[in-house]
Amino acid sequence: MKNATPKPGRPGEVSQWPRWEGPEESRPAGYLPAERNAGTRSGDSREKTRDDALIADQVAAQLEQNPFLDPRSVSVSVEHRRVVLAGVVDTPEASLRAERDALSIEGVYACENRLEVGASESGRLRDG
């Protein structure tokens, strides 16, 4: 094995390698044993809430940098690292860009795009 010493890190992260997820009897030498609930983080709900709040702040900051959006017309909520975008944008492209912006933030697992296409707070009339 090229790097015989496993790196530390949380289960499920690429920084923690090599992890053996198969049966113990066939685990090659040099691999760390698999941990229970490798896809979930240990810790209390305050840690999860703090992570979600940090992600929400980062997504909001990213949306403010997007010249195609009025960030005041988009609300961001995060629960369990899943972002929900709601509000009104001017074009379908702006909606897609907002979703891509949210997904570009490290730690975001999914983005539910509830943005409606119409006029933002810039004063134009909504479609429909």
N, C-alpha and C. Protein backbone atom coordinates (compact mmCIF):
# COMPACT_ATOMS: atom_id res chain seq x y z
N MET A 1 0.84 -1.16 0.00
CA MET A 1 0.00 0.00 0.00
C MET A 1 0.89 1.24 0.00
N LYS A 2 0.57 2.20 -0.81
CA LYS A 2 1.42 3.38 -0.97
C LYS A 2 1.57 4.15 0.34
N ASN A 3 0.47 4.48 0.97
CA ASN A 3 0.48 5.22 2.24
C ASN A 3 -0.07 4.30 3.31
N ALA A 4 0.82 3.70 4.08
CA ALA A 4 0.39 2.68 5.03
C ALA A 4 -0.27 3.25 6.28
N THR A 5 0.00 4.50 6.63
CA THR A 5 -0.58 5.07 7.83
C THR A 5 -1.89 5.76 7.49
N PRO A 6 -3.01 5.30 8.07
CA PRO A 6 -4.29 5.94 7.79
C PRO A 6 -4.32 7.37 8.32
N LYS A 7 -5.00 8.22 7.59
CA LYS A 7 -5.14 9.61 8.01
C LYS A 7 -6.31 9.75 8.96
N PRO A 8 -6.24 10.66 9.92
CA PRO A 8 -7.38 10.89 10.82
C PRO A 8 -8.47 11.67 10.11
N GLY A 9 -9.65 11.67 10.66
CA GLY A 9 -10.76 12.42 10.10
C GLY A 9 -12.07 11.80 10.51
N ARG A 10 -13.16 12.47 10.19
CA ARG A 10 -14.48 11.95 10.53
C ARG A 10 -14.86 10.84 9.55
N PRO A 11 -15.64 9.87 10.02
CA PRO A 11 -16.10 8.81 9.12
C PRO A 11 -16.86 9.40 7.95
N GLY A 12 -16.66 8.84 6.79
CA GLY A 12 -17.37 9.27 5.60
C GLY A 12 -16.69 10.39 4.84
N GLU A 13 -15.61 10.94 5.35
CA GLU A 13 -14.88 11.98 4.66
C GLU A 13 -13.74 11.37 3.87
N VAL A 14 -13.40 12.00 2.78
CA VAL A 14 -12.27 11.48 2.00
C VAL A 14 -10.96 11.68 2.73
N SER A 15 -10.93 12.58 3.72
CA SER A 15 -9.70 12.78 4.46
C SER A 15 -9.40 11.61 5.39
N GLN A 16 -10.39 10.79 5.65
CA GLN A 16 -10.17 9.64 6.54
C GLN A 16 -10.07 8.40 5.65
N TRP A 17 -8.91 7.95 5.44
CA TRP A 17 -8.70 6.81 4.57
C TRP A 17 -7.61 5.95 5.16
N PRO A 18 -7.40 4.80 4.75
CA PRO A 18 -8.40 4.01 4.03
C PRO A 18 -9.34 3.34 5.02
N ARG A 19 -10.60 3.36 4.77
CA ARG A 19 -11.63 2.73 5.60
C ARG A 19 -12.09 1.47 4.89
N TRP A 20 -12.23 0.42 5.63
CA TRP A 20 -12.72 -0.84 5.07
C TRP A 20 -14.17 -1.02 5.47
N GLU A 21 -15.05 -1.05 4.49
CA GLU A 21 -16.48 -1.17 4.75
C GLU A 21 -16.97 -2.60 4.59
N GLY A 22 -16.10 -3.49 4.19
CA GLY A 22 -16.50 -4.87 3.97
C GLY A 22 -16.41 -5.71 5.24
N PRO A 23 -16.55 -7.02 5.08
CA PRO A 23 -16.48 -7.91 6.24
C PRO A 23 -15.09 -7.88 6.88
N GLU A 24 -15.08 -7.96 8.19
CA GLU A 24 -13.84 -7.87 8.95
C GLU A 24 -12.84 -8.95 8.54
N GLU A 25 -13.33 -10.15 8.28
CA GLU A 25 -12.41 -11.25 7.97
C GLU A 25 -11.66 -11.05 6.65
N SER A 26 -12.15 -10.19 5.77
CA SER A 26 -11.45 -9.97 4.50
C SER A 26 -10.80 -8.58 4.43
N ARG A 27 -10.68 -7.90 5.57
CA ARG A 27 -10.09 -6.56 5.59
C ARG A 27 -8.59 -6.67 5.34
N PRO A 28 -8.07 -5.97 4.33
CA PRO A 28 -6.63 -5.98 4.06
C PRO A 28 -5.86 -5.25 5.16
N ALA A 29 -4.60 -5.60 5.31
CA ALA A 29 -3.75 -4.94 6.30
C ALA A 29 -3.61 -3.47 5.93
N GLY A 30 -3.59 -2.62 6.94
CA GLY A 30 -3.41 -1.20 6.70
C GLY A 30 -4.70 -0.41 6.63
N TYR A 31 -5.84 -1.09 6.59
CA TYR A 31 -7.12 -0.41 6.53
C TYR A 31 -7.69 -0.25 7.93
N LEU A 32 -8.31 0.90 8.18
CA LEU A 32 -9.01 1.10 9.44
C LEU A 32 -10.32 0.33 9.40
N PRO A 33 -10.79 -0.13 10.55
CA PRO A 33 -12.10 -0.78 10.54
C PRO A 33 -13.20 0.24 10.27
N ALA A 34 -14.29 -0.23 9.71
CA ALA A 34 -15.44 0.65 9.48
C ALA A 34 -16.03 1.06 10.82
N GLU A 35 -16.64 2.23 10.84
CA GLU A 35 -17.29 2.68 12.06
C GLU A 35 -18.79 2.65 11.87
N ARG A 36 -19.51 2.46 12.96
CA ARG A 36 -20.97 2.48 12.89
C ARG A 36 -21.43 3.87 12.49
N ASN A 37 -22.52 3.91 11.74
CA ASN A 37 -23.12 5.16 11.32
C ASN A 37 -22.10 6.08 10.63
N ALA A 38 -21.35 5.50 9.70
CA ALA A 38 -20.30 6.27 9.04
C ALA A 38 -20.87 7.46 8.28
N GLY A 39 -22.11 7.41 7.85
CA GLY A 39 -22.70 8.51 7.11
C GLY A 39 -23.25 9.61 7.98
N THR A 40 -23.26 9.42 9.28
CA THR A 40 -23.78 10.46 10.16
C THR A 40 -22.68 11.00 11.02
N ARG A 41 -22.85 12.22 11.46
CA ARG A 41 -21.86 12.83 12.33
C ARG A 41 -22.23 12.60 13.77
N SER A 42 -21.23 12.36 14.57
CA SER A 42 -21.50 12.24 15.99
C SER A 42 -21.59 13.65 16.57
N GLY A 43 -22.22 13.77 17.69
CA GLY A 43 -22.35 15.07 18.32
C GLY A 43 -23.80 15.37 18.61
N ASP A 44 -24.01 16.47 19.30
CA ASP A 44 -25.37 16.82 19.69
C ASP A 44 -26.04 17.68 18.63
N SER A 45 -27.31 17.99 18.87
CA SER A 45 -28.07 18.76 17.90
C SER A 45 -27.56 20.18 17.79
N ARG A 46 -26.90 20.70 18.84
CA ARG A 46 -26.34 22.05 18.75
C ARG A 46 -25.26 22.12 17.69
N GLU A 47 -24.47 21.06 17.56
CA GLU A 47 -23.44 21.03 16.53
C GLU A 47 -24.08 21.04 15.15
N LYS A 48 -25.12 20.26 14.96
CA LYS A 48 -25.81 20.23 13.67
C LYS A 48 -26.44 21.58 13.37
N THR A 49 -27.04 22.20 14.37
CA THR A 49 -27.65 23.51 14.17
C THR A 49 -26.59 24.54 13.79
N ARG A 50 -25.44 24.48 14.44
CA ARG A 50 -24.35 25.40 14.14
C ARG A 50 -23.86 25.19 12.71
N ASP A 51 -23.71 23.93 12.29
CA ASP A 51 -23.30 23.64 10.92
C ASP A 51 -24.31 24.17 9.92
N ASP A 52 -25.60 23.95 10.20
CA ASP A 52 -26.65 24.42 9.30
C ASP A 52 -26.66 25.94 9.22
N ALA A 53 -26.46 26.61 10.35
CA ALA A 53 -26.43 28.07 10.36
C ALA A 53 -25.24 28.60 9.56
N LEU A 54 -24.10 27.93 9.70
CA LEU A 54 -22.91 28.33 8.94
C LEU A 54 -23.15 28.16 7.45
N ILE A 55 -23.74 27.05 7.06
CA ILE A 55 -24.04 26.80 5.65
C ILE A 55 -25.01 27.86 5.14
N ALA A 56 -26.04 28.18 5.91
CA ALA A 56 -27.02 29.20 5.49
C ALA A 56 -26.33 30.54 5.26
N ASP A 57 -25.42 30.91 6.15
CA ASP A 57 -24.68 32.16 5.99
C ASP A 57 -23.82 32.14 4.73
N GLN A 58 -23.17 31.01 4.49
CA GLN A 58 -22.30 30.90 3.31
C GLN A 58 -23.11 30.95 2.02
N VAL A 59 -24.26 30.28 2.01
CA VAL A 59 -25.12 30.31 0.81
C VAL A 59 -25.62 31.73 0.57
N ALA A 60 -26.07 32.40 1.63
CA ALA A 60 -26.56 33.77 1.48
C ALA A 60 -25.46 34.68 0.95
N ALA A 61 -24.24 34.52 1.46
CA ALA A 61 -23.12 35.33 0.97
C ALA A 61 -22.82 35.04 -0.49
N GLN A 62 -22.93 33.78 -0.87
CA GLN A 62 -22.69 33.40 -2.27
C GLN A 62 -23.76 34.02 -3.17
N LEU A 63 -25.01 34.01 -2.73
CA LEU A 63 -26.10 34.59 -3.53
C LEU A 63 -25.94 36.10 -3.67
N GLU A 64 -25.40 36.75 -2.66
CA GLU A 64 -25.16 38.20 -2.74
C GLU A 64 -24.13 38.53 -3.81
N GLN A 65 -23.23 37.61 -4.09
CA GLN A 65 -22.20 37.83 -5.10
C GLN A 65 -22.70 37.57 -6.52
N ASN A 66 -23.90 36.99 -6.63
CA ASN A 66 -24.45 36.63 -7.94
C ASN A 66 -25.10 37.86 -8.57
N PRO A 67 -24.55 38.36 -9.69
CA PRO A 67 -25.10 39.58 -10.30
C PRO A 67 -26.46 39.38 -10.95
N PHE A 68 -26.91 38.15 -11.10
CA PHE A 68 -28.17 37.87 -11.74
C PHE A 68 -29.33 37.76 -10.76
N LEU A 69 -29.04 37.93 -9.47
CA LEU A 69 -30.06 37.77 -8.43
C LEU A 69 -30.20 39.02 -7.59
N ASP A 70 -31.41 39.23 -7.08
CA ASP A 70 -31.62 40.19 -6.01
C ASP A 70 -31.70 39.33 -4.75
N PRO A 71 -30.64 39.30 -3.94
CA PRO A 71 -30.61 38.39 -2.80
C PRO A 71 -31.71 38.67 -1.77
N ARG A 72 -32.28 39.88 -1.79
CA ARG A 72 -33.37 40.19 -0.87
C ARG A 72 -34.65 39.44 -1.23
N SER A 73 -34.74 38.96 -2.47
CA SER A 73 -35.95 38.25 -2.89
C SER A 73 -35.83 36.73 -2.72
N VAL A 74 -34.71 36.27 -2.18
CA VAL A 74 -34.48 34.83 -2.00
C VAL A 74 -34.23 34.55 -0.52
N SER A 75 -34.99 33.61 0.03
CA SER A 75 -34.73 33.20 1.41
C SER A 75 -34.01 31.85 1.40
N VAL A 76 -33.12 31.68 2.36
CA VAL A 76 -32.31 30.47 2.46
C VAL A 76 -32.59 29.83 3.81
N SER A 77 -32.93 28.55 3.79
CA SER A 77 -33.03 27.79 5.04
C SER A 77 -32.26 26.50 4.85
N VAL A 78 -31.72 26.00 5.96
CA VAL A 78 -30.90 24.78 5.91
C VAL A 78 -31.30 23.89 7.07
N GLU A 79 -31.51 22.63 6.76
CA GLU A 79 -31.75 21.64 7.80
C GLU A 79 -31.03 20.35 7.41
N HIS A 80 -30.19 19.88 8.29
CA HIS A 80 -29.39 18.67 8.05
C HIS A 80 -28.60 18.78 6.76
N ARG A 81 -28.00 19.97 6.55
CA ARG A 81 -27.15 20.23 5.38
C ARG A 81 -27.88 20.20 4.05
N ARG A 82 -29.20 20.32 4.11
CA ARG A 82 -30.01 20.41 2.90
C ARG A 82 -30.55 21.84 2.81
N VAL A 83 -30.25 22.50 1.71
CA VAL A 83 -30.62 23.89 1.52
C VAL A 83 -31.98 23.97 0.84
N VAL A 84 -32.82 24.89 1.30
CA VAL A 84 -34.09 25.19 0.65
C VAL A 84 -34.05 26.65 0.24
N LEU A 85 -34.20 26.89 -1.06
CA LEU A 85 -34.26 28.24 -1.59
C LEU A 85 -35.71 28.56 -1.90
N ALA A 86 -36.21 29.69 -1.43
CA ALA A 86 -37.58 30.10 -1.68
C ALA A 86 -37.58 31.58 -2.04
N GLY A 87 -38.59 32.00 -2.77
CA GLY A 87 -38.71 33.39 -3.15
C GLY A 87 -39.01 33.52 -4.62
N VAL A 88 -38.68 34.69 -5.15
CA VAL A 88 -38.99 35.00 -6.54
C VAL A 88 -37.74 35.52 -7.23
N VAL A 89 -37.50 35.03 -8.44
CA VAL A 89 -36.39 35.50 -9.26
C VAL A 89 -36.93 35.94 -10.61
N ASP A 90 -36.12 36.67 -11.37
CA ASP A 90 -36.58 37.24 -12.64
C ASP A 90 -36.65 36.23 -13.78
N THR A 91 -35.71 35.27 -13.81
CA THR A 91 -35.64 34.36 -14.96
C THR A 91 -35.38 32.93 -14.50
N PRO A 92 -35.69 31.97 -15.37
CA PRO A 92 -35.34 30.58 -15.03
C PRO A 92 -33.83 30.39 -14.85
N GLU A 93 -33.05 31.13 -15.62
CA GLU A 93 -31.59 31.04 -15.50
C GLU A 93 -31.13 31.49 -14.12
N ALA A 94 -31.76 32.55 -13.60
CA ALA A 94 -31.40 33.03 -12.27
C ALA A 94 -31.72 31.97 -11.22
N SER A 95 -32.82 31.25 -11.40
CA SER A 95 -33.18 30.17 -10.48
C SER A 95 -32.13 29.06 -10.51
N LEU A 96 -31.72 28.67 -11.70
CA LEU A 96 -30.69 27.63 -11.83
C LEU A 96 -29.35 28.09 -11.26
N ARG A 97 -29.00 29.35 -11.48
CA ARG A 97 -27.73 29.88 -10.94
C ARG A 97 -27.76 29.88 -9.42
N ALA A 98 -28.90 30.23 -8.84
CA ALA A 98 -29.01 30.23 -7.38
C ALA A 98 -28.84 28.82 -6.83
N GLU A 99 -29.45 27.86 -7.50
CA GLU A 99 -29.31 26.46 -7.07
C GLU A 99 -27.86 26.01 -7.17
N ARG A 100 -27.19 26.35 -8.27
CA ARG A 100 -25.78 25.99 -8.43
C ARG A 100 -24.91 26.65 -7.38
N ASP A 101 -25.23 27.92 -7.07
CA ASP A 101 -24.49 28.62 -6.02
C ASP A 101 -24.61 27.89 -4.69
N ALA A 102 -25.83 27.47 -4.36
CA ALA A 102 -26.05 26.77 -3.09
C ALA A 102 -25.29 25.44 -3.07
N LEU A 103 -25.34 24.71 -4.17
CA LEU A 103 -24.67 23.41 -4.22
C LEU A 103 -23.15 23.53 -4.24
N SER A 104 -22.65 24.73 -4.56
CA SER A 104 -21.19 24.91 -4.60
C SER A 104 -20.58 25.07 -3.21
N ILE A 105 -21.41 25.26 -2.20
CA ILE A 105 -20.90 25.46 -0.84
C ILE A 105 -20.52 24.11 -0.24
N GLU A 106 -19.33 24.04 0.33
CA GLU A 106 -18.86 22.80 0.94
C GLU A 106 -19.77 22.41 2.10
N GLY A 107 -20.15 21.14 2.13
CA GLY A 107 -21.01 20.64 3.19
C GLY A 107 -22.47 20.53 2.81
N VAL A 108 -22.87 21.13 1.69
CA VAL A 108 -24.25 21.06 1.25
C VAL A 108 -24.49 19.71 0.59
N TYR A 109 -25.48 18.96 1.10
CA TYR A 109 -25.79 17.65 0.53
C TYR A 109 -26.81 17.73 -0.58
N ALA A 110 -27.75 18.67 -0.49
CA ALA A 110 -28.81 18.77 -1.48
C ALA A 110 -29.37 20.18 -1.46
N CYS A 111 -30.06 20.53 -2.53
CA CYS A 111 -30.71 21.84 -2.61
C CYS A 111 -32.10 21.65 -3.19
N GLU A 112 -33.09 22.09 -2.44
CA GLU A 112 -34.47 22.08 -2.93
C GLU A 112 -34.78 23.49 -3.42
N ASN A 113 -35.01 23.60 -4.72
CA ASN A 113 -35.22 24.89 -5.34
C ASN A 113 -36.71 25.18 -5.43
N ARG A 114 -37.21 26.05 -4.54
CA ARG A 114 -38.61 26.46 -4.54
C ARG A 114 -38.78 27.86 -5.11
N LEU A 115 -37.80 28.31 -5.85
CA LEU A 115 -37.85 29.67 -6.40
C LEU A 115 -38.88 29.75 -7.52
N GLU A 116 -39.67 30.80 -7.48
CA GLU A 116 -40.66 31.05 -8.53
C GLU A 116 -40.08 32.06 -9.50
N VAL A 117 -40.41 31.88 -10.77
CA VAL A 117 -39.94 32.80 -11.80
C VAL A 117 -41.01 33.87 -11.98
N GLY A 118 -40.62 35.10 -11.88
CA GLY A 118 -41.51 36.25 -12.01
C GLY A 118 -40.66 37.48 -11.84
N ALA A 119 -41.17 38.45 -11.13
CA ALA A 119 -40.39 39.66 -10.86
C ALA A 119 -39.92 39.63 -9.42
N SER A 120 -38.70 40.03 -9.20
CA SER A 120 -38.22 40.15 -7.84
C SER A 120 -38.68 41.50 -7.30
N GLU A 121 -38.09 41.95 -6.23
CA GLU A 121 -38.48 43.21 -5.62
C GLU A 121 -38.06 44.42 -6.44
N SER A 122 -37.59 44.20 -7.65
CA SER A 122 -37.16 45.32 -8.49
C SER A 122 -38.35 46.08 -9.06
N GLY A 123 -39.59 45.58 -8.86
CA GLY A 123 -40.76 46.34 -9.24
C GLY A 123 -41.47 45.87 -10.48
N ARG A 124 -40.92 44.91 -11.18
CA ARG A 124 -41.60 44.41 -12.38
C ARG A 124 -42.75 43.52 -12.00
N LEU A 125 -43.69 43.36 -12.91
CA LEU A 125 -44.87 42.53 -12.66
C LEU A 125 -44.51 41.07 -12.78
N ARG A 126 -45.17 40.26 -11.98
CA ARG A 126 -44.95 38.82 -12.02
C ARG A 126 -45.70 38.22 -13.18
N ASP A 127 -45.15 37.15 -13.73
CA ASP A 127 -45.83 36.40 -14.80
C ASP A 127 -47.00 35.66 -14.22
N GLY A 128 -48.03 35.46 -15.03
CA GLY A 128 -49.14 34.61 -14.62
C GLY A 128 -50.14 35.37 -13.90
